[in-house]
């Protein structure tokens, strides 16, 4: 049903709220408002109103996407899910597509940097793989990133470094089970963790770990 714009007001947030005889319709951003040429007294069809609202929603979603990306890197799926908390799926998808067009989103670079960051925090490849999957990174892209970041990584060597740097005092204090649990939470294979702790404790066989 056509609506005649009876009042246009600028809000405290810098948007423009459109009103008709029945009351408030919706608000649009300043760019959409000025480009549309809408003025008080204009009569707009349902299609014109929908188009105006969609254009403003797209602008708002794009601005929100830029805001998120100014704070940190995102993968495409992660950003899409984040936008979907505030916008509908179609609007969110268009905003993500625009970020890709602007070359502000790159899942390959995101996966590489995320994997490198996780490795720097002494997370295992298995844990890094889980995190990338959780972020919605394509399996093949994730695998390629993990292959590059963890190419020279030996899980046992990493566990040994952690035991030496971070957990040695706890083992010396008899907190073997706590150390085991902490390393497993990092994503290391339980069997490799048991072997490393047993060796660190000077030649233990690990046969007494069945309870873990």
N, C-alpha and C. Protein backbone atom coordinates (compact mmCIF):
# COMPACT_ATOMS: atom_id res chain seq x y z
N UNK A 1 0.85 -1.19 0.00
CA UNK A 1 0.00 0.00 0.00
C UNK A 1 0.89 1.25 0.00
N UNK A 2 0.68 2.17 -0.92
CA UNK A 2 1.51 3.38 -0.99
C UNK A 2 1.43 4.18 0.30
N UNK A 3 2.52 4.87 0.61
CA UNK A 3 2.56 5.69 1.82
C UNK A 3 3.11 7.08 1.45
N UNK A 4 2.47 8.09 1.98
CA UNK A 4 2.93 9.46 1.76
C UNK A 4 3.81 9.89 2.93
N UNK A 5 5.00 10.34 2.61
CA UNK A 5 5.94 10.77 3.66
C UNK A 5 5.47 12.11 4.21
N UNK A 6 5.09 12.10 5.48
CA UNK A 6 4.57 13.33 6.11
C UNK A 6 5.63 14.06 6.92
N UNK A 7 6.66 13.34 7.34
CA UNK A 7 7.68 13.97 8.18
C UNK A 7 9.00 13.21 8.06
N UNK A 8 10.07 13.95 7.98
CA UNK A 8 11.42 13.36 7.98
C UNK A 8 12.22 14.05 9.07
N UNK A 9 12.75 13.26 10.02
CA UNK A 9 13.49 13.84 11.14
C UNK A 9 14.88 13.24 11.22
N UNK A 10 15.86 14.07 11.52
CA UNK A 10 17.21 13.58 11.74
C UNK A 10 17.33 13.13 13.19
N UNK A 11 17.84 11.93 13.38
CA UNK A 11 17.97 11.37 14.72
C UNK A 11 19.29 11.79 15.35
N UNK A 12 19.45 11.51 16.64
CA UNK A 12 20.69 11.83 17.35
C UNK A 12 21.87 11.04 16.79
N UNK A 13 21.58 9.90 16.15
CA UNK A 13 22.65 9.07 15.58
C UNK A 13 22.98 9.46 14.15
N UNK A 14 22.34 10.52 13.66
CA UNK A 14 22.65 11.00 12.32
C UNK A 14 21.87 10.31 11.22
N UNK A 15 20.91 9.45 11.58
CA UNK A 15 20.06 8.81 10.58
C UNK A 15 18.83 9.69 10.35
N UNK A 16 18.01 9.30 9.35
CA UNK A 16 16.81 10.05 9.02
C UNK A 16 15.60 9.12 9.16
N UNK A 17 14.70 9.50 10.06
CA UNK A 17 13.51 8.68 10.29
C UNK A 17 12.37 9.17 9.41
N UNK A 18 11.74 8.22 8.75
CA UNK A 18 10.64 8.52 7.83
C UNK A 18 9.31 8.20 8.50
N UNK A 19 8.38 9.13 8.35
CA UNK A 19 7.06 8.95 8.96
C UNK A 19 5.98 9.16 7.90
N UNK A 20 4.88 8.44 8.07
CA UNK A 20 3.72 8.63 7.20
C UNK A 20 2.53 8.93 8.11
N UNK A 21 1.34 9.00 7.54
CA UNK A 21 0.15 9.32 8.32
C UNK A 21 -0.10 8.29 9.42
N UNK A 22 0.31 7.05 9.16
CA UNK A 22 0.09 5.99 10.14
C UNK A 22 1.16 5.97 11.23
N UNK A 23 2.23 6.76 11.06
CA UNK A 23 3.28 6.80 12.06
C UNK A 23 4.66 6.52 11.47
N UNK A 24 5.56 6.09 12.34
CA UNK A 24 6.95 5.85 11.95
C UNK A 24 7.05 4.68 10.98
N UNK A 25 7.85 4.85 9.93
CA UNK A 25 8.09 3.77 8.97
C UNK A 25 9.41 3.06 9.30
N UNK A 26 10.52 3.74 9.09
CA UNK A 26 11.85 3.22 9.40
C UNK A 26 12.83 4.37 9.24
N UNK A 27 14.07 4.13 9.63
CA UNK A 27 15.10 5.16 9.47
C UNK A 27 16.13 4.68 8.45
N UNK A 28 16.79 5.64 7.81
CA UNK A 28 17.81 5.32 6.81
C UNK A 28 19.07 6.12 7.13
N UNK A 29 20.21 5.63 6.66
CA UNK A 29 21.45 6.35 6.85
C UNK A 29 21.46 7.60 5.97
N UNK A 30 22.37 8.52 6.29
CA UNK A 30 22.39 9.81 5.59
C UNK A 30 22.70 9.66 4.11
N UNK A 31 23.63 8.76 3.75
CA UNK A 31 23.98 8.60 2.34
C UNK A 31 22.79 8.11 1.53
N UNK A 32 22.11 7.09 2.05
CA UNK A 32 20.94 6.56 1.35
C UNK A 32 19.86 7.62 1.24
N UNK A 33 19.69 8.37 2.30
CA UNK A 33 18.65 9.40 2.30
C UNK A 33 18.91 10.46 1.23
N UNK A 34 20.12 11.00 1.19
CA UNK A 34 20.40 12.07 0.24
C UNK A 34 20.42 11.57 -1.20
N UNK A 35 20.92 10.36 -1.41
CA UNK A 35 20.95 9.82 -2.77
C UNK A 35 19.55 9.48 -3.27
N UNK A 36 18.64 9.14 -2.37
CA UNK A 36 17.28 8.75 -2.79
C UNK A 36 16.46 9.94 -3.25
N UNK A 37 16.75 11.12 -2.71
CA UNK A 37 15.97 12.31 -3.07
C UNK A 37 14.59 12.34 -2.45
N UNK A 38 14.32 11.46 -1.50
CA UNK A 38 13.00 11.43 -0.86
C UNK A 38 12.77 12.72 -0.08
N UNK A 39 11.54 13.25 -0.19
CA UNK A 39 11.20 14.48 0.52
C UNK A 39 9.80 14.36 1.11
N UNK A 40 9.52 15.20 2.08
CA UNK A 40 8.18 15.21 2.66
C UNK A 40 7.16 15.51 1.56
N UNK A 41 6.07 14.77 1.59
CA UNK A 41 5.03 14.92 0.58
C UNK A 41 5.11 13.88 -0.52
N UNK A 42 6.26 13.19 -0.63
CA UNK A 42 6.40 12.15 -1.65
C UNK A 42 5.56 10.94 -1.27
N UNK A 43 4.96 10.33 -2.27
CA UNK A 43 4.22 9.08 -2.06
C UNK A 43 5.01 7.94 -2.66
N UNK A 44 5.33 6.95 -1.84
CA UNK A 44 6.16 5.82 -2.27
C UNK A 44 5.36 4.53 -2.24
N UNK A 45 5.57 3.71 -3.25
CA UNK A 45 4.92 2.39 -3.29
C UNK A 45 5.61 1.45 -2.31
N UNK A 46 5.00 0.30 -2.07
CA UNK A 46 5.61 -0.70 -1.19
C UNK A 46 6.98 -1.11 -1.73
N UNK A 47 7.07 -1.27 -3.04
CA UNK A 47 8.34 -1.69 -3.64
C UNK A 47 9.41 -0.62 -3.43
N UNK A 48 9.03 0.64 -3.57
CA UNK A 48 9.99 1.73 -3.37
C UNK A 48 10.45 1.82 -1.91
N UNK A 49 9.51 1.61 -1.01
CA UNK A 49 9.84 1.62 0.41
C UNK A 49 10.78 0.47 0.75
N UNK A 50 10.47 -0.71 0.22
CA UNK A 50 11.32 -1.88 0.48
C UNK A 50 12.73 -1.66 -0.07
N UNK A 51 12.82 -1.11 -1.26
CA UNK A 51 14.12 -0.85 -1.88
C UNK A 51 14.92 0.15 -1.04
N UNK A 52 14.26 1.18 -0.57
CA UNK A 52 14.92 2.20 0.23
C UNK A 52 15.44 1.60 1.54
N UNK A 53 14.61 0.77 2.18
CA UNK A 53 15.03 0.15 3.44
C UNK A 53 16.16 -0.84 3.22
N UNK A 54 16.08 -1.63 2.13
CA UNK A 54 17.12 -2.60 1.84
C UNK A 54 18.46 -1.90 1.56
N UNK A 55 18.41 -0.81 0.83
CA UNK A 55 19.65 -0.07 0.53
C UNK A 55 20.27 0.48 1.81
N UNK A 56 19.43 0.96 2.72
CA UNK A 56 19.95 1.48 3.97
C UNK A 56 20.49 0.36 4.86
N UNK A 57 19.78 -0.77 4.88
CA UNK A 57 20.25 -1.92 5.66
C UNK A 57 21.59 -2.41 5.13
N UNK A 58 21.74 -2.43 3.80
CA UNK A 58 23.00 -2.85 3.20
C UNK A 58 24.13 -1.92 3.62
N UNK A 59 23.83 -0.63 3.62
CA UNK A 59 24.85 0.34 4.03
C UNK A 59 25.23 0.15 5.50
N UNK A 60 24.23 -0.07 6.32
CA UNK A 60 24.48 -0.25 7.76
C UNK A 60 25.28 -1.53 8.00
N UNK A 61 24.94 -2.60 7.29
CA UNK A 61 25.66 -3.86 7.45
C UNK A 61 27.09 -3.73 6.96
N UNK A 62 27.29 -3.01 5.87
CA UNK A 62 28.65 -2.78 5.37
C UNK A 62 29.48 -2.01 6.39
N UNK A 63 28.88 -0.97 6.97
CA UNK A 63 29.59 -0.17 7.98
C UNK A 63 29.93 -1.03 9.20
N UNK A 64 29.01 -1.90 9.58
CA UNK A 64 29.26 -2.77 10.73
C UNK A 64 30.37 -3.76 10.42
N UNK A 65 30.37 -4.29 9.20
CA UNK A 65 31.43 -5.22 8.79
C UNK A 65 32.79 -4.53 8.83
N UNK A 66 32.85 -3.30 8.33
CA UNK A 66 34.10 -2.53 8.36
C UNK A 66 34.55 -2.28 9.79
N UNK A 67 33.60 -2.04 10.66
CA UNK A 67 33.93 -1.82 12.07
C UNK A 67 34.55 -3.07 12.68
N UNK A 68 33.93 -4.22 12.41
CA UNK A 68 34.48 -5.48 12.93
C UNK A 68 35.89 -5.73 12.40
N UNK A 69 36.06 -5.50 11.09
CA UNK A 69 37.36 -5.78 10.47
C UNK A 69 38.43 -4.79 10.90
N UNK A 70 38.04 -3.64 11.39
CA UNK A 70 39.03 -2.68 11.89
C UNK A 70 39.62 -3.13 13.22
N UNK A 71 38.94 -4.06 13.87
CA UNK A 71 39.39 -4.53 15.18
C UNK A 71 40.28 -5.77 15.09
N UNK A 72 39.97 -6.65 14.13
CA UNK A 72 40.77 -7.86 13.95
C UNK A 72 40.40 -8.54 12.65
N UNK A 73 41.16 -9.58 12.29
CA UNK A 73 40.85 -10.36 11.10
C UNK A 73 39.64 -11.26 11.33
N UNK A 74 38.91 -11.48 10.27
CA UNK A 74 37.79 -12.42 10.30
C UNK A 74 37.87 -13.32 9.08
N UNK A 75 37.36 -14.53 9.21
CA UNK A 75 37.10 -15.37 8.06
C UNK A 75 35.72 -15.03 7.52
N UNK A 76 35.45 -15.44 6.30
CA UNK A 76 34.16 -15.10 5.68
C UNK A 76 32.98 -15.62 6.49
N UNK A 77 33.02 -16.90 6.86
CA UNK A 77 31.90 -17.48 7.60
C UNK A 77 31.76 -16.87 8.99
N UNK A 78 32.89 -16.61 9.63
CA UNK A 78 32.84 -16.02 10.96
C UNK A 78 32.20 -14.63 10.92
N UNK A 79 32.60 -13.82 9.92
CA UNK A 79 32.02 -12.49 9.79
C UNK A 79 30.54 -12.57 9.45
N UNK A 80 30.19 -13.51 8.57
CA UNK A 80 28.78 -13.70 8.21
C UNK A 80 27.94 -14.03 9.44
N UNK A 81 28.41 -14.95 10.26
CA UNK A 81 27.67 -15.33 11.47
C UNK A 81 27.53 -14.15 12.42
N UNK A 82 28.60 -13.37 12.52
CA UNK A 82 28.56 -12.19 13.40
C UNK A 82 27.53 -11.18 12.91
N UNK A 83 27.50 -10.93 11.61
CA UNK A 83 26.54 -9.97 11.06
C UNK A 83 25.11 -10.48 11.20
N UNK A 84 24.94 -11.78 11.11
CA UNK A 84 23.59 -12.36 11.22
C UNK A 84 22.96 -12.14 12.59
N UNK A 85 23.77 -11.77 13.56
CA UNK A 85 23.23 -11.45 14.88
C UNK A 85 22.49 -10.12 14.87
N UNK A 86 22.76 -9.28 13.84
CA UNK A 86 22.15 -7.96 13.76
C UNK A 86 21.31 -7.74 12.50
N UNK A 87 21.58 -8.54 11.47
CA UNK A 87 20.88 -8.35 10.20
C UNK A 87 20.34 -9.69 9.69
N UNK A 88 19.46 -9.65 8.70
CA UNK A 88 18.97 -10.90 8.13
C UNK A 88 20.07 -11.55 7.27
N UNK A 89 19.85 -12.78 6.90
CA UNK A 89 20.89 -13.55 6.21
C UNK A 89 21.27 -12.94 4.87
N UNK A 90 20.27 -12.45 4.13
CA UNK A 90 20.56 -11.90 2.81
C UNK A 90 21.40 -10.62 2.92
N UNK A 91 21.04 -9.76 3.86
CA UNK A 91 21.80 -8.52 4.05
C UNK A 91 23.22 -8.83 4.51
N UNK A 92 23.34 -9.80 5.42
CA UNK A 92 24.67 -10.19 5.92
C UNK A 92 25.52 -10.75 4.81
N UNK A 93 24.91 -11.57 3.95
CA UNK A 93 25.67 -12.18 2.85
C UNK A 93 26.14 -11.12 1.87
N UNK A 94 25.31 -10.12 1.60
CA UNK A 94 25.73 -9.06 0.68
C UNK A 94 26.87 -8.24 1.28
N UNK A 95 26.84 -8.01 2.58
CA UNK A 95 27.92 -7.26 3.23
C UNK A 95 29.23 -8.03 3.15
N UNK A 96 29.17 -9.33 3.37
CA UNK A 96 30.38 -10.16 3.29
C UNK A 96 30.91 -10.15 1.86
N UNK A 97 30.02 -10.28 0.89
CA UNK A 97 30.43 -10.26 -0.51
C UNK A 97 31.12 -8.94 -0.87
N UNK A 98 30.63 -7.84 -0.30
CA UNK A 98 31.24 -6.54 -0.55
C UNK A 98 32.63 -6.46 0.07
N UNK A 99 32.79 -7.05 1.26
CA UNK A 99 34.12 -7.07 1.89
C UNK A 99 35.11 -7.90 1.06
N UNK A 100 34.62 -8.98 0.47
CA UNK A 100 35.47 -9.79 -0.40
C UNK A 100 35.84 -9.00 -1.65
N UNK A 101 34.86 -8.29 -2.21
CA UNK A 101 35.12 -7.48 -3.41
C UNK A 101 36.17 -6.41 -3.12
N UNK A 102 36.12 -5.85 -1.93
CA UNK A 102 37.08 -4.82 -1.54
C UNK A 102 38.42 -5.40 -1.10
N UNK A 103 38.51 -6.73 -1.16
CA UNK A 103 39.73 -7.45 -0.78
C UNK A 103 40.09 -7.23 0.69
N UNK A 104 39.06 -7.11 1.51
CA UNK A 104 39.26 -6.97 2.95
C UNK A 104 39.08 -8.30 3.67
N UNK A 105 38.61 -9.29 2.93
CA UNK A 105 38.45 -10.64 3.47
C UNK A 105 39.23 -11.61 2.60
N UNK A 106 40.02 -12.47 3.25
CA UNK A 106 40.81 -13.46 2.53
C UNK A 106 40.96 -14.66 3.45
N UNK A 107 40.19 -15.71 3.21
CA UNK A 107 40.21 -16.86 4.10
C UNK A 107 41.57 -17.54 4.17
N UNK A 108 42.32 -17.51 3.08
CA UNK A 108 43.64 -18.14 3.10
C UNK A 108 44.58 -17.41 4.05
N UNK A 109 44.60 -16.08 3.97
CA UNK A 109 45.44 -15.30 4.88
C UNK A 109 44.94 -15.40 6.32
N UNK A 110 43.62 -15.40 6.47
CA UNK A 110 43.05 -15.53 7.80
C UNK A 110 43.47 -16.85 8.44
N UNK A 111 43.37 -17.94 7.67
CA UNK A 111 43.74 -19.25 8.20
C UNK A 111 45.22 -19.31 8.56
N UNK A 112 46.07 -18.75 7.70
CA UNK A 112 47.51 -18.74 7.98
C UNK A 112 47.83 -17.98 9.26
N UNK A 113 47.27 -16.79 9.39
CA UNK A 113 47.58 -15.97 10.56
C UNK A 113 46.97 -16.55 11.82
N UNK A 114 45.78 -17.12 11.71
CA UNK A 114 45.16 -17.74 12.88
C UNK A 114 45.97 -18.96 13.33
N UNK A 115 46.38 -19.78 12.37
CA UNK A 115 47.17 -20.97 12.71
C UNK A 115 48.50 -20.57 13.32
N UNK A 116 49.14 -19.55 12.75
CA UNK A 116 50.43 -19.09 13.28
C UNK A 116 50.26 -18.56 14.70
N UNK A 117 49.18 -17.85 14.95
CA UNK A 117 48.93 -17.34 16.29
C UNK A 117 48.71 -18.45 17.30
N UNK A 118 47.98 -19.48 16.88
CA UNK A 118 47.73 -20.61 17.78
C UNK A 118 49.01 -21.38 18.06
N UNK A 119 49.82 -21.55 17.02
CA UNK A 119 51.11 -22.23 17.23
C UNK A 119 51.98 -21.42 18.17
N UNK A 120 51.96 -20.09 18.01
CA UNK A 120 52.74 -19.24 18.89
C UNK A 120 52.31 -19.34 20.34
N UNK A 121 51.06 -19.74 20.56
CA UNK A 121 50.56 -19.94 21.92
C UNK A 121 50.69 -21.40 22.35
N UNK A 122 51.50 -22.14 21.60
CA UNK A 122 51.81 -23.55 21.90
C UNK A 122 50.57 -24.45 21.82
N UNK A 123 49.67 -24.13 20.88
CA UNK A 123 48.54 -25.01 20.62
C UNK A 123 48.96 -26.05 19.59
N UNK A 124 48.45 -27.25 19.74
CA UNK A 124 48.80 -28.32 18.81
C UNK A 124 48.13 -28.11 17.46
N UNK A 125 48.61 -28.84 16.47
CA UNK A 125 47.98 -28.78 15.15
C UNK A 125 46.53 -29.23 15.25
N UNK A 126 46.28 -30.23 16.04
CA UNK A 126 44.91 -30.75 16.20
C UNK A 126 43.99 -29.67 16.76
N UNK A 127 44.48 -28.92 17.74
CA UNK A 127 43.68 -27.84 18.32
C UNK A 127 43.49 -26.71 17.31
N UNK A 128 44.54 -26.39 16.56
CA UNK A 128 44.42 -25.35 15.53
C UNK A 128 43.40 -25.76 14.46
N UNK A 129 43.41 -27.01 14.10
CA UNK A 129 42.45 -27.51 13.12
C UNK A 129 41.03 -27.36 13.64
N UNK A 130 40.83 -27.65 14.91
CA UNK A 130 39.49 -27.53 15.52
C UNK A 130 39.03 -26.07 15.51
N UNK A 131 39.94 -25.15 15.86
CA UNK A 131 39.58 -23.74 15.91
C UNK A 131 39.22 -23.21 14.52
N UNK A 132 40.00 -23.58 13.51
CA UNK A 132 39.70 -23.12 12.15
C UNK A 132 38.36 -23.66 11.67
N UNK A 133 38.07 -24.90 12.01
CA UNK A 133 36.76 -25.47 11.64
C UNK A 133 35.64 -24.72 12.34
N UNK A 134 35.87 -24.37 13.59
CA UNK A 134 34.88 -23.63 14.36
C UNK A 134 34.63 -22.25 13.76
N UNK A 135 35.67 -21.67 13.16
CA UNK A 135 35.55 -20.36 12.53
C UNK A 135 34.91 -20.44 11.15
N UNK A 136 34.64 -21.65 10.68
CA UNK A 136 33.98 -21.81 9.39
C UNK A 136 34.92 -21.81 8.20
N UNK A 137 36.23 -21.99 8.44
CA UNK A 137 37.19 -22.01 7.33
C UNK A 137 37.05 -23.31 6.57
N UNK A 138 37.05 -23.22 5.25
CA UNK A 138 36.97 -24.40 4.39
C UNK A 138 38.06 -25.41 4.77
N UNK A 139 37.71 -26.69 4.75
CA UNK A 139 38.63 -27.73 5.20
C UNK A 139 39.93 -27.74 4.40
N UNK A 140 39.85 -27.58 3.08
CA UNK A 140 41.06 -27.59 2.25
C UNK A 140 41.94 -26.37 2.53
N UNK A 141 41.31 -25.21 2.72
CA UNK A 141 42.07 -24.00 3.04
C UNK A 141 42.76 -24.17 4.40
N UNK A 142 42.02 -24.72 5.36
CA UNK A 142 42.59 -24.93 6.69
C UNK A 142 43.76 -25.90 6.63
N UNK A 143 43.60 -26.98 5.86
CA UNK A 143 44.66 -28.00 5.76
C UNK A 143 45.93 -27.39 5.16
N UNK A 144 45.77 -26.57 4.13
CA UNK A 144 46.93 -25.95 3.49
C UNK A 144 47.64 -25.01 4.47
N UNK A 145 46.87 -24.25 5.24
CA UNK A 145 47.47 -23.34 6.21
C UNK A 145 48.20 -24.11 7.31
N UNK A 146 47.59 -25.18 7.77
CA UNK A 146 48.21 -25.97 8.83
C UNK A 146 49.48 -26.66 8.33
N UNK A 147 49.44 -27.12 7.10
CA UNK A 147 50.64 -27.74 6.52
C UNK A 147 51.80 -26.76 6.47
N UNK A 148 51.47 -25.50 6.15
CA UNK A 148 52.54 -24.49 6.05
C UNK A 148 53.05 -24.08 7.43
N UNK A 149 52.13 -23.84 8.35
CA UNK A 149 52.52 -23.34 9.67
C UNK A 149 53.19 -24.42 10.52
N UNK A 150 52.67 -25.64 10.41
CA UNK A 150 53.18 -26.72 11.26
C UNK A 150 54.10 -27.67 10.49
N UNK A 151 54.63 -27.20 9.36
CA UNK A 151 55.43 -28.07 8.48
C UNK A 151 56.60 -28.71 9.21
N UNK A 152 57.29 -27.94 10.03
CA UNK A 152 58.47 -28.46 10.71
C UNK A 152 58.19 -28.81 12.17
N UNK A 153 56.93 -28.85 12.52
CA UNK A 153 56.59 -29.05 13.92
C UNK A 153 56.50 -30.53 14.27
N UNK A 154 57.13 -30.90 15.35
CA UNK A 154 57.02 -32.24 15.88
C UNK A 154 56.27 -32.13 17.21
N UNK A 155 55.16 -32.83 17.31
CA UNK A 155 54.32 -32.70 18.49
C UNK A 155 55.08 -33.03 19.77
N UNK A 156 55.88 -34.07 19.72
CA UNK A 156 56.63 -34.46 20.92
C UNK A 156 57.62 -33.37 21.31
N UNK A 157 58.29 -32.76 20.33
CA UNK A 157 59.23 -31.70 20.63
C UNK A 157 58.53 -30.51 21.28
N UNK A 158 57.35 -30.18 20.80
CA UNK A 158 56.60 -29.07 21.38
C UNK A 158 56.20 -29.38 22.81
N UNK A 159 55.76 -30.61 23.07
CA UNK A 159 55.39 -30.99 24.43
C UNK A 159 56.61 -30.91 25.35
N UNK A 160 57.75 -31.40 24.86
CA UNK A 160 58.97 -31.35 25.66
C UNK A 160 59.35 -29.91 26.00
N UNK A 161 59.17 -28.99 25.04
CA UNK A 161 59.47 -27.58 25.32
C UNK A 161 58.54 -27.03 26.39
N UNK A 162 57.27 -27.39 26.30
CA UNK A 162 56.31 -26.91 27.29
C UNK A 162 56.62 -27.47 28.68
N UNK A 163 57.01 -28.74 28.72
CA UNK A 163 57.37 -29.32 30.01
C UNK A 163 58.57 -28.59 30.61
N UNK A 164 59.51 -28.27 29.77
CA UNK A 164 60.72 -27.61 30.24
C UNK A 164 60.44 -26.17 30.70
N UNK A 165 59.62 -25.46 29.91
CA UNK A 165 59.42 -24.04 30.17
C UNK A 165 58.31 -23.74 31.17
N UNK A 166 57.23 -24.54 31.11
CA UNK A 166 56.04 -24.15 31.85
C UNK A 166 55.57 -25.14 32.91
N UNK A 167 55.84 -26.41 32.70
CA UNK A 167 55.21 -27.41 33.58
C UNK A 167 56.19 -28.21 34.44
N UNK A 168 57.48 -27.97 34.28
CA UNK A 168 58.45 -28.75 35.02
C UNK A 168 58.28 -28.65 36.52
N UNK A 169 58.04 -27.44 37.02
CA UNK A 169 57.88 -27.27 38.47
C UNK A 169 56.65 -27.99 38.99
N UNK A 170 55.59 -28.03 38.18
CA UNK A 170 54.38 -28.73 38.61
C UNK A 170 54.61 -30.24 38.66
N UNK A 171 55.36 -30.75 37.68
CA UNK A 171 55.68 -32.17 37.71
C UNK A 171 56.54 -32.49 38.93
N UNK A 172 57.50 -31.60 39.19
CA UNK A 172 58.36 -31.81 40.34
C UNK A 172 57.57 -31.79 41.65
N UNK A 173 56.45 -31.08 41.63
CA UNK A 173 55.61 -31.00 42.83
C UNK A 173 54.59 -32.13 42.88
N UNK A 174 54.68 -33.06 41.93
CA UNK A 174 53.78 -34.21 41.95
C UNK A 174 52.44 -33.99 41.28
N UNK A 175 52.32 -32.90 40.50
CA UNK A 175 51.03 -32.59 39.86
C UNK A 175 50.97 -33.15 38.44
N UNK A 176 51.28 -34.43 38.34
CA UNK A 176 51.33 -35.07 37.03
C UNK A 176 49.99 -35.04 36.30
N UNK A 177 48.92 -35.37 37.02
CA UNK A 177 47.61 -35.43 36.37
C UNK A 177 47.16 -34.06 35.88
N UNK A 178 47.49 -33.01 36.66
CA UNK A 178 47.11 -31.66 36.25
C UNK A 178 47.87 -31.25 34.99
N UNK A 179 49.14 -31.62 34.90
CA UNK A 179 49.93 -31.31 33.71
C UNK A 179 49.39 -32.08 32.51
N UNK A 180 49.08 -33.33 32.71
CA UNK A 180 48.52 -34.16 31.65
C UNK A 180 47.24 -33.53 31.09
N UNK A 181 46.35 -33.13 32.00
CA UNK A 181 45.08 -32.54 31.57
C UNK A 181 45.32 -31.24 30.82
N UNK A 182 46.25 -30.42 31.30
CA UNK A 182 46.52 -29.14 30.65
C UNK A 182 47.04 -29.33 29.24
N UNK A 183 47.93 -30.29 29.05
CA UNK A 183 48.48 -30.54 27.71
C UNK A 183 47.43 -31.13 26.78
N UNK A 184 46.59 -31.97 27.30
CA UNK A 184 45.51 -32.53 26.47
C UNK A 184 44.53 -31.45 26.04
N UNK A 185 44.29 -30.49 26.90
CA UNK A 185 43.39 -29.38 26.54
C UNK A 185 43.98 -28.55 25.42
N UNK A 186 45.29 -28.54 25.29
CA UNK A 186 45.93 -27.84 24.19
C UNK A 186 45.79 -28.59 22.87
N UNK A 187 45.27 -29.81 22.93
CA UNK A 187 45.02 -30.57 21.71
C UNK A 187 46.06 -31.61 21.39
N UNK A 188 47.04 -31.82 22.27
CA UNK A 188 48.05 -32.84 22.02
C UNK A 188 47.47 -34.23 22.24
N UNK A 189 47.98 -35.20 21.49
CA UNK A 189 47.49 -36.58 21.60
C UNK A 189 47.78 -37.13 23.00
N UNK A 190 46.80 -37.69 23.69
CA UNK A 190 47.01 -38.20 25.05
C UNK A 190 48.17 -39.18 25.17
N UNK A 191 48.30 -40.06 24.18
CA UNK A 191 49.39 -41.03 24.26
C UNK A 191 50.75 -40.35 24.23
N UNK A 192 50.91 -39.35 23.35
CA UNK A 192 52.18 -38.63 23.26
C UNK A 192 52.44 -37.85 24.54
N UNK A 193 51.39 -37.28 25.13
CA UNK A 193 51.53 -36.56 26.39
C UNK A 193 52.01 -37.51 27.49
N UNK A 194 51.40 -38.69 27.56
CA UNK A 194 51.80 -39.65 28.60
C UNK A 194 53.27 -40.04 28.45
N UNK A 195 53.66 -40.31 27.19
CA UNK A 195 55.04 -40.72 26.95
C UNK A 195 56.02 -39.61 27.33
N UNK A 196 55.68 -38.37 26.97
CA UNK A 196 56.58 -37.26 27.25
C UNK A 196 56.72 -37.04 28.75
N UNK A 197 55.61 -37.11 29.47
CA UNK A 197 55.67 -36.91 30.92
C UNK A 197 56.45 -38.04 31.59
N UNK A 198 56.20 -39.26 31.12
CA UNK A 198 56.92 -40.40 31.69
C UNK A 198 58.42 -40.25 31.47
N UNK A 199 58.81 -39.82 30.25
CA UNK A 199 60.24 -39.64 29.97
C UNK A 199 60.81 -38.49 30.80
N UNK A 200 60.03 -37.44 30.95
CA UNK A 200 60.51 -36.30 31.74
C UNK A 200 60.75 -36.72 33.19
N UNK A 201 59.89 -37.62 33.68
CA UNK A 201 60.05 -38.12 35.04
C UNK A 201 61.09 -39.24 35.11
N UNK A 202 61.98 -39.24 34.11
CA UNK A 202 63.16 -40.10 34.10
C UNK A 202 62.84 -41.57 33.92
N UNK A 203 62.41 -41.86 32.72
CA UNK A 203 62.35 -43.26 32.31
C UNK A 203 61.09 -44.00 32.64
N UNK A 204 60.01 -43.26 33.07
CA UNK A 204 58.77 -43.98 33.35
C UNK A 204 58.20 -44.58 32.08
N UNK A 205 57.55 -45.69 32.17
CA UNK A 205 57.02 -46.38 30.99
C UNK A 205 55.65 -45.88 30.59
N UNK A 206 54.97 -45.21 31.55
CA UNK A 206 53.63 -44.75 31.22
C UNK A 206 52.59 -45.82 31.41
N UNK A 207 52.98 -46.99 31.92
CA UNK A 207 52.01 -48.07 32.06
C UNK A 207 50.99 -47.82 33.14
N UNK A 208 51.26 -46.85 34.02
CA UNK A 208 50.33 -46.59 35.13
C UNK A 208 49.36 -45.44 34.81
N UNK A 209 49.16 -45.19 33.51
CA UNK A 209 48.28 -44.09 33.11
C UNK A 209 46.88 -44.54 32.71
N UNK A 210 46.54 -45.78 32.97
CA UNK A 210 45.24 -46.27 32.48
C UNK A 210 44.07 -45.48 33.05
N UNK A 211 44.29 -44.87 34.21
CA UNK A 211 43.18 -44.13 34.83
C UNK A 211 42.91 -42.78 34.17
N UNK A 212 43.83 -42.33 33.31
CA UNK A 212 43.69 -41.00 32.70
C UNK A 212 42.76 -41.07 31.50
